[in-house]
Amino acid sequence: MAADPGPASPAGPAARPPAPPRRRRPTWRRLKVVLFAAVGAVLALSVAGSVQARIGPFDTTVSARPGWSGATVIRLAPLGSIVLETHDSPVVIEARVDELRLPEAERIARNPKVLDSLQDGIAADAQRALRLLALRALVALLAGGSLGAFVARARLSSVVTGAIVGLALALGVGAMTVASFDPGAIAEPRYTGLLTVAPTAVGDVEGIVDRFGEYRAQLTELVRNVVMLYRAAQGLPTFDPTDNTIRVLQVSDIHLNPQAFDLIEVLVRQFRIDAVIDTGDITDWGTEPEGRLVDRIGQLGVPYVWVRGNHDSARTQAAVAREPGAVVLDSQARTVAGLRLWGYADRRYTPSKDQPTGKEVEQRQAKAAAPQVRRELRRDEPPAVDVALVHDPALADGLAGAVPLVLAGHTHAARQRSLGSSLLLVEGSTGGAGLRALQGAQPEPLASSVLYFDRRSRRLVAYDRITVRGLGRSGVRIERNVIPPRR
């Protein structure tokens, strides 16, 4: 008898051998570590890739940051920037002038020949700064790569991988920078801001060689005027944060010139400003794209009080109001930095062709509006207003005797006028009449004023008129004006 074959196996496909372990997850982990390391290295370079350096008579900050196209940028606030297309690697090298050292600058101003002897020293200073920057960038890339890799996977091997990625980026970008470096790029600079007039002020590269004496004299004149600003500032009475003085920066009529905010940033830092007052016309047409300029307001770190001008729109006003630190006054009073301020927004909108324009029309409108301005001021008292802000000085007549000080702009010409027991200060154009003025051979000056108030009486005791002109002209000027006490 045949053996029992046993129970039949169930029908179905033949059993498959076990699959080998999948490799996708380890591969993805390694890619993730490398990706995080690269991102960490780039972020670290952006944050920590800078060094402080002395180059000639200037204290500077030299930095390296990622960029789509390589360039060397020299920032000379508030005059603008010089861009040199020196290399093709994805890194931008930037040198920002932070401060002028007064003793060395005075030495140059007294003796222009000092510039000749400074050339070698400046070159050595620049090379030393670049070496320090390269070392700082290497450390930032290594540290950032290691940290990024550790975030991706908390293992020692990941940290080593991250450091290797950072080192590879440093060597790769460094090699690309050196290989593509073009020393001839210095002969083809690109200017921004007020420096757009530099080629017409000092001539082209070939002309500079032939006219070096004239060029040196112009540079000396610029340094001399910058020295005047620092010397005048040092000669003023000391205003410490603990003293009895409130410092306010008055600006007006920026007219879309971004260099005005470069100047404002410098003055806020130099004079330790408590608040900025802007009497309008921050834009030209009041359009929504122009509103992007006001982003600089939130970066100043001090209150920015603003009233609408005849070139500003309701959209401009809304954009300013959204900025951190901005205080928009529209027939209302606010206390800022210890001063009671009241502002009147200009009801006109000049860019609109539906509204009549012209000096005669403006005078009639101002005369008709003056009583209303005074009534609205009185409506917001008490407490008593210390400073009233209007855009058009023609409106100030309605405030005569109602407030100690009236600030205005509009005319692009700085002046002081008595209104009975009140004082009117009209500011020039902090934007040099706007970007359109920069296209001319002689741009209008950038004007602003630093106002000093007694903290107890809240009365103006002095003010400094500050004027910054284009290259080839008179540079920087500061004038002190003392307000005698009223009897």
Protein backbone atom coordinates (compact mmCIF):
# COMPACT_ATOMS: atom_id res chain seq x y z
CA MET A 1 0.00 0.00 0.00
CA ALA A 2 1.24 3.45 -0.92
CA ALA A 3 2.24 5.84 1.82
CA ASP A 4 -0.23 8.53 2.79
CA PRO A 5 0.93 11.72 1.15
CA GLY A 6 -0.59 13.73 3.95
CA PRO A 7 -2.88 16.70 3.66
CA ALA A 8 -2.69 18.59 0.42
CA SER A 9 -0.97 21.93 0.44
CA PRO A 10 -3.27 24.89 -0.09
CA ALA A 11 -3.41 26.14 -3.60
CA GLY A 12 -1.70 29.45 -4.28
CA PRO A 13 1.52 31.08 -5.45
CA ALA A 14 4.83 29.65 -4.40
CA ALA A 15 6.34 31.21 -1.26
CA ARG A 16 8.76 34.09 -1.97
CA PRO A 17 12.13 34.42 -0.27
CA PRO A 18 12.41 37.31 2.23
CA ALA A 19 13.20 40.66 0.59
CA PRO A 20 16.60 42.21 1.30
CA PRO A 21 16.56 45.22 3.66
CA ARG A 22 15.58 48.45 1.96
CA ARG A 23 18.27 51.10 1.45
CA ARG A 24 16.08 54.10 0.83
CA ARG A 25 15.77 55.28 4.42
CA PRO A 26 19.55 55.42 5.14
CA THR A 27 20.11 57.21 1.84
CA TRP A 28 17.44 59.78 2.67
CA ARG A 29 18.93 60.28 6.12
CA ARG A 30 22.33 61.02 4.63
CA LEU A 31 20.83 63.45 2.11
CA LYS A 32 18.89 65.14 4.90
CA VAL A 33 22.06 65.58 6.95
CA VAL A 34 23.92 67.07 3.98
CA LEU A 35 21.00 69.38 3.11
CA PHE A 36 20.62 70.64 6.68
CA ALA A 37 24.38 71.12 6.90
CA ALA A 38 24.41 73.25 3.74
CA VAL A 39 21.48 75.37 4.93
CA GLY A 40 23.07 75.80 8.36
CA ALA A 41 26.37 76.85 6.81
CA VAL A 42 24.70 79.45 4.59
CA LEU A 43 22.65 80.86 7.47
CA ALA A 44 25.72 81.01 9.71
CA LEU A 45 27.63 82.93 7.05
CA SER A 46 24.75 85.39 6.72
CA VAL A 47 24.58 85.98 10.47
CA ALA A 48 28.21 85.75 11.59
CA GLY A 49 30.24 86.41 8.45
CA SER A 50 31.50 89.88 9.34
CA VAL A 51 34.49 91.53 11.04
CA GLN A 52 35.26 95.01 12.35
CA ALA A 53 38.30 96.59 10.71
CA ARG A 54 40.16 99.88 10.48
CA ILE A 55 40.83 100.92 6.89
CA GLY A 56 42.62 104.23 6.61
CA PRO A 57 40.76 106.89 8.64
CA PHE A 58 37.56 104.83 8.71
CA ASP A 59 36.13 102.26 11.10
CA THR A 60 34.37 99.71 8.91
CA THR A 61 32.39 96.49 9.00
CA VAL A 62 33.52 94.03 6.32
CA SER A 63 31.15 91.13 5.66
CA ALA A 64 30.56 88.20 3.33
CA ARG A 65 27.03 87.04 2.57
CA PRO A 66 25.44 84.68 0.05
CA GLY A 67 24.35 86.25 -3.24
CA TRP A 68 23.22 85.10 -6.65
CA SER A 69 26.01 87.03 -8.34
CA GLY A 70 29.34 87.99 -6.88
CA ALA A 71 30.22 91.63 -6.27
CA THR A 72 32.09 93.93 -3.92
CA VAL A 73 29.90 96.65 -2.39
CA ILE A 74 31.24 99.72 -0.59
CA ARG A 75 28.53 101.50 1.41
CA LEU A 76 29.10 105.16 2.24
CA ALA A 77 25.96 106.24 4.09
CA PRO A 78 24.33 108.65 3.56
CA LEU A 79 25.93 109.23 0.14
CA GLY A 80 25.12 105.82 -1.35
CA SER A 81 27.06 102.78 -2.52
CA ILE A 82 29.76 101.76 -5.00
CA VAL A 83 29.31 98.33 -6.61
CA LEU A 84 32.26 96.55 -8.25
CA GLU A 85 31.70 93.38 -10.31
CA THR A 86 34.92 91.82 -9.03
CA HIS A 87 34.07 88.09 -9.10
CA ASP A 88 31.49 85.52 -10.22
CA SER A 89 31.14 83.32 -7.15
CA PRO A 90 27.86 83.28 -5.16
CA VAL A 91 29.11 85.55 -2.39
CA VAL A 92 28.88 89.33 -1.92
CA ILE A 93 31.71 91.09 -0.10
CA GLU A 94 30.53 94.28 1.55
CA ALA A 95 32.48 97.05 3.29
CA ARG A 96 30.35 99.48 5.29
CA VAL A 97 31.85 102.70 6.65
CA ASP A 98 30.64 103.01 10.25
CA GLU A 99 32.60 105.99 11.51
CA LEU A 100 35.26 108.48 10.54
CA ARG A 101 38.11 108.74 13.05
CA LEU A 102 38.36 112.45 13.71
CA PRO A 103 42.12 112.87 14.43
CA GLU A 104 43.21 111.12 11.21
CA ALA A 105 40.55 112.90 9.15
CA GLU A 106 41.68 116.26 10.50
CA ARG A 107 45.25 115.40 9.52
CA ILE A 108 44.10 114.73 5.93
CA ALA A 109 42.06 117.91 5.86
CA ARG A 110 45.03 120.00 7.03
CA ASN A 111 47.50 118.40 4.63
CA PRO A 112 46.14 116.92 1.36
CA LYS A 113 49.53 115.33 0.61
CA VAL A 114 48.85 112.87 3.42
CA LEU A 115 46.58 111.05 0.96
CA ASP A 116 49.65 110.02 -1.04
CA SER A 117 51.27 108.32 1.94
CA LEU A 118 48.01 106.68 2.99
CA GLN A 119 47.61 104.63 -0.19
CA ASP A 120 49.95 101.80 0.83
CA GLY A 121 48.56 101.78 4.36
CA ILE A 122 44.96 101.58 3.16
CA ALA A 123 45.83 98.69 0.82
CA ALA A 124 47.51 96.82 3.68
CA ASP A 125 44.53 97.51 5.95
CA ALA A 126 42.14 96.17 3.31
CA GLN A 127 44.20 93.00 2.80
CA ARG A 128 44.33 92.41 6.55
CA ALA A 129 40.56 92.87 6.80
CA LEU A 130 39.96 90.38 3.97
CA ARG A 131 42.19 87.77 5.62
CA LEU A 132 40.28 88.15 8.89
CA LEU A 133 37.00 87.93 6.97
CA ALA A 134 38.11 84.72 5.22
CA LEU A 135 39.00 83.14 8.57
CA ARG A 136 35.71 84.28 10.12
CA ALA A 137 33.74 82.96 7.14
CA LEU A 138 35.52 79.59 7.38
CA VAL A 139 34.67 79.27 11.08
CA ALA A 140 31.05 80.29 10.41
CA LEU A 141 30.66 77.73 7.62
CA LEU A 142 32.19 74.93 9.71
CA ALA A 143 30.10 75.75 12.77
CA GLY A 144 26.91 76.29 10.79
CA GLY A 145 27.35 73.08 8.84
CA SER A 146 27.99 71.07 11.99
CA LEU A 147 25.00 72.57 13.81
CA GLY A 148 22.69 72.07 10.83
CA ALA A 149 23.73 68.44 10.48
CA PHE A 150 23.26 67.86 14.22
CA VAL A 151 19.71 69.26 13.96
CA ALA A 152 19.01 66.78 11.17
CA ARG A 153 20.40 63.84 13.12
CA ALA A 154 21.86 64.07 16.61
CA ARG A 155 24.94 61.93 16.11
CA LEU A 156 28.67 62.59 16.17
CA SER A 157 28.98 61.25 12.64
CA SER A 158 26.45 63.87 11.49
CA VAL A 159 28.50 66.65 13.09
CA VAL A 160 31.59 65.43 11.22
CA THR A 161 29.61 65.29 7.98
CA GLY A 162 28.33 68.82 8.58
CA ALA A 163 31.84 70.12 9.15
CA ILE A 164 32.97 68.47 5.91
CA VAL A 165 30.07 70.11 4.04
CA GLY A 166 30.97 73.50 5.51
CA LEU A 167 34.63 73.03 4.58
CA ALA A 168 33.66 71.97 1.05
CA LEU A 169 31.53 75.10 0.65
CA ALA A 170 34.34 77.29 1.95
CA LEU A 171 36.94 75.75 -0.36
CA GLY A 172 34.60 75.73 -3.36
CA VAL A 173 33.38 79.30 -3.02
CA GLY A 174 36.88 80.50 -2.15
CA ALA A 175 38.36 78.84 -5.22
CA MET A 176 35.62 80.29 -7.45
CA THR A 177 36.20 83.76 -6.02
CA VAL A 178 39.96 83.65 -6.54
CA ALA A 179 39.68 82.10 -10.01
CA SER A 180 37.11 84.62 -11.25
CA PHE A 181 38.56 87.70 -9.53
CA ASP A 182 38.88 90.61 -11.95
CA PRO A 183 41.11 93.46 -10.67
CA GLY A 184 40.06 95.54 -13.67
CA ALA A 185 36.52 95.79 -12.26
CA ILE A 186 37.63 98.76 -10.18
CA ALA A 187 37.76 100.74 -13.42
CA GLU A 188 34.03 100.13 -14.00
CA PRO A 189 32.24 101.04 -10.77
CA ARG A 190 28.46 101.31 -10.52
CA TYR A 191 27.14 104.04 -8.24
CA THR A 192 23.86 104.20 -6.32
CA GLY A 193 22.18 107.00 -4.40
CA LEU A 194 23.85 110.39 -4.33
CA LEU A 195 27.04 108.77 -5.61
CA THR A 196 25.40 108.53 -9.04
CA VAL A 197 26.84 111.99 -9.64
CA ALA A 198 30.38 110.83 -8.76
CA PRO A 199 31.48 110.15 -12.37
CA THR A 200 30.50 113.68 -13.39
CA ALA A 201 32.08 115.09 -10.25
CA VAL A 202 35.52 113.50 -10.60
CA GLY A 203 35.58 112.35 -14.23
CA ASP A 204 36.03 108.91 -15.74
CA VAL A 205 38.90 106.59 -14.86
CA GLU A 206 41.27 107.95 -17.50
CA GLY A 207 40.40 111.50 -16.49
CA ILE A 208 41.17 110.75 -12.87
CA VAL A 209 44.73 109.85 -13.80
CA ASP A 210 45.20 113.13 -15.64
CA ARG A 211 43.39 115.23 -13.03
CA PHE A 212 44.58 113.54 -9.85
CA GLY A 213 45.44 116.87 -8.26
CA GLU A 214 41.91 118.16 -8.75
CA TYR A 215 40.42 114.85 -7.64
CA ARG A 216 42.54 114.89 -4.49
CA ALA A 217 41.43 118.45 -3.75
CA GLN A 218 37.77 117.42 -4.09
CA LEU A 219 38.29 114.43 -1.84
CA THR A 220 40.05 116.63 0.69
CA GLU A 221 37.16 119.10 0.59
CA LEU A 222 34.70 116.29 1.24
CA VAL A 223 36.77 114.99 4.17
CA ARG A 224 37.12 118.53 5.51
CA ASN A 225 33.36 119.00 5.54
CA VAL A 226 32.77 115.63 7.18
CA VAL A 227 35.31 116.63 9.81
CA MET A 228 33.34 119.86 10.26
CA LEU A 229 30.23 117.83 11.07
CA TYR A 230 32.02 115.74 13.70
CA ARG A 231 33.87 118.73 15.14
CA ALA A 232 30.68 120.77 15.37
CA ALA A 233 28.89 117.87 17.02
CA GLN A 234 31.71 117.55 19.55
CA GLY A 235 31.62 121.29 20.22
CA LEU A 236 27.94 121.24 21.15
CA PRO A 237 26.88 121.05 24.79
CA THR A 238 26.86 117.45 25.95
CA PHE A 239 23.43 115.81 25.81
CA ASP A 240 23.52 112.56 27.76
CA PRO A 241 20.47 110.34 28.15
CA THR A 242 20.36 111.35 31.83
CA ASP A 243 20.38 115.09 31.17
CA ASN A 244 17.42 117.41 30.85
CA THR A 245 17.25 117.49 27.06
CA ILE A 246 14.91 115.89 24.52
CA ARG A 247 16.47 115.43 21.07
CA VAL A 248 14.13 115.36 18.06
CA LEU A 249 15.13 114.95 14.40
CA GLN A 250 12.98 116.99 12.00
CA VAL A 251 12.75 115.72 8.41
CA SER A 252 10.41 116.49 5.53
CA ASP A 253 9.78 115.98 1.81
CA ILE A 254 11.68 112.72 1.37
CA HIS A 255 9.96 112.27 -2.01
CA LEU A 256 10.81 108.60 -2.41
CA ASN A 257 14.59 108.99 -2.03
CA PRO A 258 15.87 105.96 -0.04
CA GLN A 259 19.13 107.78 0.72
CA ALA A 260 17.12 110.04 3.04
CA PHE A 261 16.64 107.08 5.37
CA ASP A 262 20.37 106.33 5.25
CA LEU A 263 20.94 109.88 6.48
CA ILE A 264 18.21 109.54 9.12
CA GLU A 265 19.77 106.33 10.46
CA VAL A 266 23.18 108.01 10.76
CA LEU A 267 21.78 111.07 12.54
CA VAL A 268 19.61 109.02 14.91
CA ARG A 269 22.74 107.15 16.00
CA GLN A 270 25.15 110.11 15.98
CA PHE A 271 22.92 112.54 17.90
CA ARG A 272 21.15 109.94 20.05
CA ILE A 273 17.73 111.03 18.81
CA ASP A 274 14.64 110.39 20.97
CA ALA A 275 12.06 110.76 18.17
CA VAL A 276 11.81 111.65 14.47
CA ILE A 277 9.21 114.13 13.17
CA ASP A 278 8.34 113.99 9.46
CA THR A 279 6.15 116.79 8.08
CA GLY A 280 5.00 114.95 4.98
CA ASP A 281 5.58 114.20 1.29
CA ILE A 282 7.36 110.92 1.93
CA THR A 283 6.29 109.81 -1.59
CA ASP A 284 5.88 111.42 -5.01
CA TRP A 285 2.59 109.97 -6.25
CA GLY A 286 1.13 108.25 -3.21
CA THR A 287 0.81 104.91 -5.02
CA GLU A 288 0.80 101.51 -3.34
CA PRO A 289 4.23 100.40 -4.71
CA GLU A 290 5.78 103.57 -3.26
CA GLY A 291 4.56 102.48 0.15
CA ARG A 292 7.40 99.94 0.29
CA LEU A 293 9.80 102.78 1.09
CA VAL A 294 8.19 103.27 4.49
CA ASP A 295 9.47 99.85 5.58
CA ARG A 296 12.61 101.69 6.73
CA ILE A 297 10.58 103.48 9.43
CA GLY A 298 10.26 100.37 11.56
CA GLN A 299 14.03 99.82 11.52
CA LEU A 300 14.97 103.14 13.15
CA GLY A 301 14.33 102.04 16.73
CA VAL A 302 12.77 105.38 17.76
CA PRO A 303 9.22 106.82 17.40
CA TYR A 304 8.52 108.22 13.93
CA VAL A 305 5.83 110.93 14.00
CA TRP A 306 4.33 111.70 10.59
CA VAL A 307 1.70 113.97 9.01
CA ARG A 308 0.42 113.61 5.46
CA GLY A 309 1.70 115.96 2.75
CA ASN A 310 0.10 116.98 -0.51
CA HIS A 311 1.99 114.23 -2.39
CA ASP A 312 0.88 111.51 0.04
CA SER A 313 -2.33 109.54 -0.32
CA ALA A 314 -4.60 107.75 2.13
CA ARG A 315 -2.81 104.54 1.10
CA THR A 316 0.51 106.13 2.02
CA GLN A 317 -0.90 107.10 5.41
CA ALA A 318 -2.13 103.54 6.02
CA ALA A 319 1.28 102.11 5.05
CA VAL A 320 3.07 104.43 7.48
CA ALA A 321 0.61 103.63 10.26
CA ARG A 322 1.38 99.91 9.94
CA GLU A 323 5.08 100.40 10.64
CA PRO A 324 6.41 99.61 14.15
CA GLY A 325 7.11 102.83 16.01
CA ALA A 326 5.12 105.03 13.61
CA VAL A 327 2.78 107.68 15.02
CA VAL A 328 0.42 109.14 12.40
CA LEU A 329 -1.25 112.41 13.39
CA ASP A 330 -4.44 113.38 11.57
CA SER A 331 -6.04 116.24 13.51
CA GLN A 332 -5.13 114.61 16.80
CA ALA A 333 -2.58 114.94 19.61
CA ARG A 334 -0.18 112.38 21.08
CA THR A 335 2.55 112.53 23.70
CA VAL A 336 5.83 111.26 22.26
CA ALA A 337 9.25 111.39 23.99
CA GLY A 338 7.81 113.70 26.63
CA LEU A 339 6.39 116.25 24.14
CA ARG A 340 2.70 116.88 23.40
CA LEU A 341 2.50 116.82 19.59
CA TRP A 342 -0.46 117.71 17.37
CA GLY A 343 -0.58 117.18 13.62
CA TYR A 344 -2.79 118.24 10.72
CA ALA A 345 -2.88 116.02 7.62
CA ASP A 346 -2.82 117.93 4.33
CA ARG A 347 -6.24 117.56 2.69
CA ARG A 348 -4.89 118.09 -0.83
CA TYR A 349 -3.61 115.39 -3.17
CA THR A 350 -1.55 117.11 -5.84
CA PRO A 351 -0.97 114.04 -8.08
CA SER A 352 -4.72 113.96 -8.74
CA LYS A 353 -5.49 115.91 -11.91
CA ASP A 354 -8.99 116.55 -10.57
CA GLN A 355 -7.65 119.09 -8.07
CA PRO A 356 -6.48 122.59 -9.02
CA THR A 357 -2.80 123.36 -8.37
CA GLY A 358 -0.52 126.39 -8.33
CA LYS A 359 0.81 128.85 -5.75
CA GLU A 360 -2.21 131.12 -5.88
CA VAL A 361 -4.57 128.18 -5.42
CA GLU A 362 -2.48 126.89 -2.49
CA GLN A 363 -2.50 130.29 -0.81
CA ARG A 364 -6.29 130.57 -1.13
CA GLN A 365 -6.76 127.05 0.20
CA ALA A 366 -4.40 127.66 3.13
CA LYS A 367 -6.11 130.94 4.05
CA ALA A 368 -9.50 129.25 3.98
CA ALA A 369 -8.30 126.28 6.04
CA ALA A 370 -6.37 128.24 8.70
CA PRO A 371 -9.38 128.90 11.01
CA GLN A 372 -10.38 125.23 10.81
CA VAL A 373 -6.83 124.15 11.72
CA ARG A 374 -6.89 126.36 14.80
CA ARG A 375 -10.30 125.05 15.90
CA GLU A 376 -9.16 121.44 15.55
CA LEU A 377 -6.04 122.17 17.61
CA ARG A 378 -8.12 123.70 20.40
CA ARG A 379 -10.45 120.71 20.33
CA ASP A 380 -7.59 118.42 21.37
CA GLU A 381 -6.58 120.57 24.37
CA PRO A 382 -5.98 120.25 27.30
CA PRO A 383 -3.28 119.26 27.92
CA ALA A 384 -1.58 122.07 26.06
CA VAL A 385 0.16 121.22 22.81
CA ASP A 386 3.93 121.81 22.74
CA VAL A 387 4.55 121.37 19.00
CA ALA A 388 2.13 121.53 16.05
CA LEU A 389 2.94 119.77 12.77
CA VAL A 390 1.64 120.87 9.37
CA HIS A 391 2.95 120.19 5.90
CA ASP A 392 2.39 123.56 4.26
CA PRO A 393 3.82 126.50 6.25
CA ALA A 394 0.97 128.65 4.91
CA LEU A 395 -1.28 126.84 7.38
CA ALA A 396 0.90 127.97 10.27
CA ASP A 397 -0.64 131.45 10.27
CA GLY A 398 -3.78 129.95 11.75
CA LEU A 399 -1.74 128.64 14.68
CA ALA A 400 -0.04 131.93 15.58
CA GLY A 401 -0.09 132.37 19.35
CA ALA A 402 -1.93 129.08 19.86
CA VAL A 403 1.15 126.86 20.24
CA PRO A 404 4.82 127.62 21.07
CA LEU A 405 6.33 125.87 18.02
CA VAL A 406 5.07 124.95 14.55
CA LEU A 407 7.03 122.59 12.26
CA ALA A 408 6.44 122.46 8.49
CA GLY A 409 8.02 121.54 5.16
CA HIS A 410 6.65 121.67 1.59
CA THR A 411 8.80 124.51 0.23
CA HIS A 412 12.11 122.56 0.09
CA ALA A 413 13.79 125.61 1.66
CA ALA A 414 14.70 125.76 5.36
CA ARG A 415 13.79 128.95 7.23
CA GLN A 416 12.72 130.32 10.59
CA ARG A 417 9.92 132.83 11.15
CA SER A 418 8.15 134.35 14.13
CA LEU A 419 4.37 134.08 14.34
CA GLY A 420 3.67 136.46 17.19
CA SER A 421 4.50 134.47 20.30
CA SER A 422 4.94 131.31 18.22
CA LEU A 423 7.97 130.13 16.25
CA LEU A 424 7.76 128.51 12.80
CA LEU A 425 10.55 126.19 11.60
CA VAL A 426 10.32 125.13 7.96
CA GLU A 427 12.50 122.19 6.94
CA GLY A 428 14.16 121.71 3.56
CA SER A 429 13.89 118.48 1.58
CA THR A 430 15.48 115.53 3.38
CA GLY A 431 15.21 113.63 0.11
CA GLY A 432 16.98 116.34 -1.91
CA ALA A 433 13.68 116.96 -3.78
CA GLY A 434 13.44 113.25 -4.59
CA LEU A 435 14.98 110.76 -6.97
CA ARG A 436 14.38 112.99 -9.98
CA ALA A 437 16.79 115.58 -8.60
CA LEU A 438 19.60 112.98 -8.58
CA GLN A 439 19.56 112.92 -12.37
CA GLY A 440 20.96 116.44 -12.56
CA ALA A 441 24.59 117.47 -12.37
CA GLN A 442 23.95 119.39 -9.15
CA PRO A 443 21.56 117.50 -6.88
CA GLU A 444 19.71 119.44 -4.21
CA PRO A 445 21.06 119.03 -0.67
CA LEU A 446 19.57 116.61 1.84
CA ALA A 447 18.30 118.78 4.69
CA SER A 448 17.30 117.94 8.26
CA SER A 449 17.46 119.48 11.72
CA VAL A 450 18.16 118.26 15.25
CA LEU A 451 15.88 120.05 17.74
CA TYR A 452 16.81 120.30 21.43
CA PHE A 453 13.98 120.72 23.97
CA ASP A 454 14.21 121.38 27.69
CA ARG A 455 12.54 118.42 29.36
CA ARG A 456 11.00 120.45 32.20
CA SER A 457 9.55 123.35 30.23
CA ARG A 458 9.17 121.37 26.95
CA ARG A 459 10.39 124.45 25.08
CA LEU A 460 12.83 124.52 22.17
CA VAL A 461 16.24 125.80 23.33
CA ALA A 462 18.38 125.20 20.21
CA TYR A 463 18.46 123.44 16.86
CA ASP A 464 21.13 122.32 14.39
CA ARG A 465 20.58 122.66 10.64
CA ILE A 466 22.34 119.75 8.89
CA THR A 467 22.92 119.79 5.14
CA VAL A 468 24.45 116.99 3.06
CA ARG A 469 25.36 117.87 -0.52
CA GLY A 470 26.50 115.81 -3.52
CA LEU A 471 30.11 114.97 -4.33
CA GLY A 472 32.10 117.78 -5.88
CA ARG A 473 30.16 120.38 -3.89
CA SER A 474 30.38 121.47 -0.27
CA GLY A 475 29.93 118.09 1.43
CA VAL A 476 28.39 118.25 4.89
CA ARG A 477 27.51 121.33 6.92
CA ILE A 478 26.06 121.81 10.40
CA GLU A 479 24.87 125.14 11.82
CA ARG A 480 23.90 125.76 15.45
CA ASN A 481 20.98 128.08 16.23
CA VAL A 482 20.20 129.04 19.82
CA ILE A 483 16.65 130.14 20.67
CA PRO A 484 16.70 133.00 23.22
CA PRO A 485 14.25 132.61 26.10
CA ARG A 486 11.02 134.54 25.57
CA ARG A 487 10.21 137.25 28.06
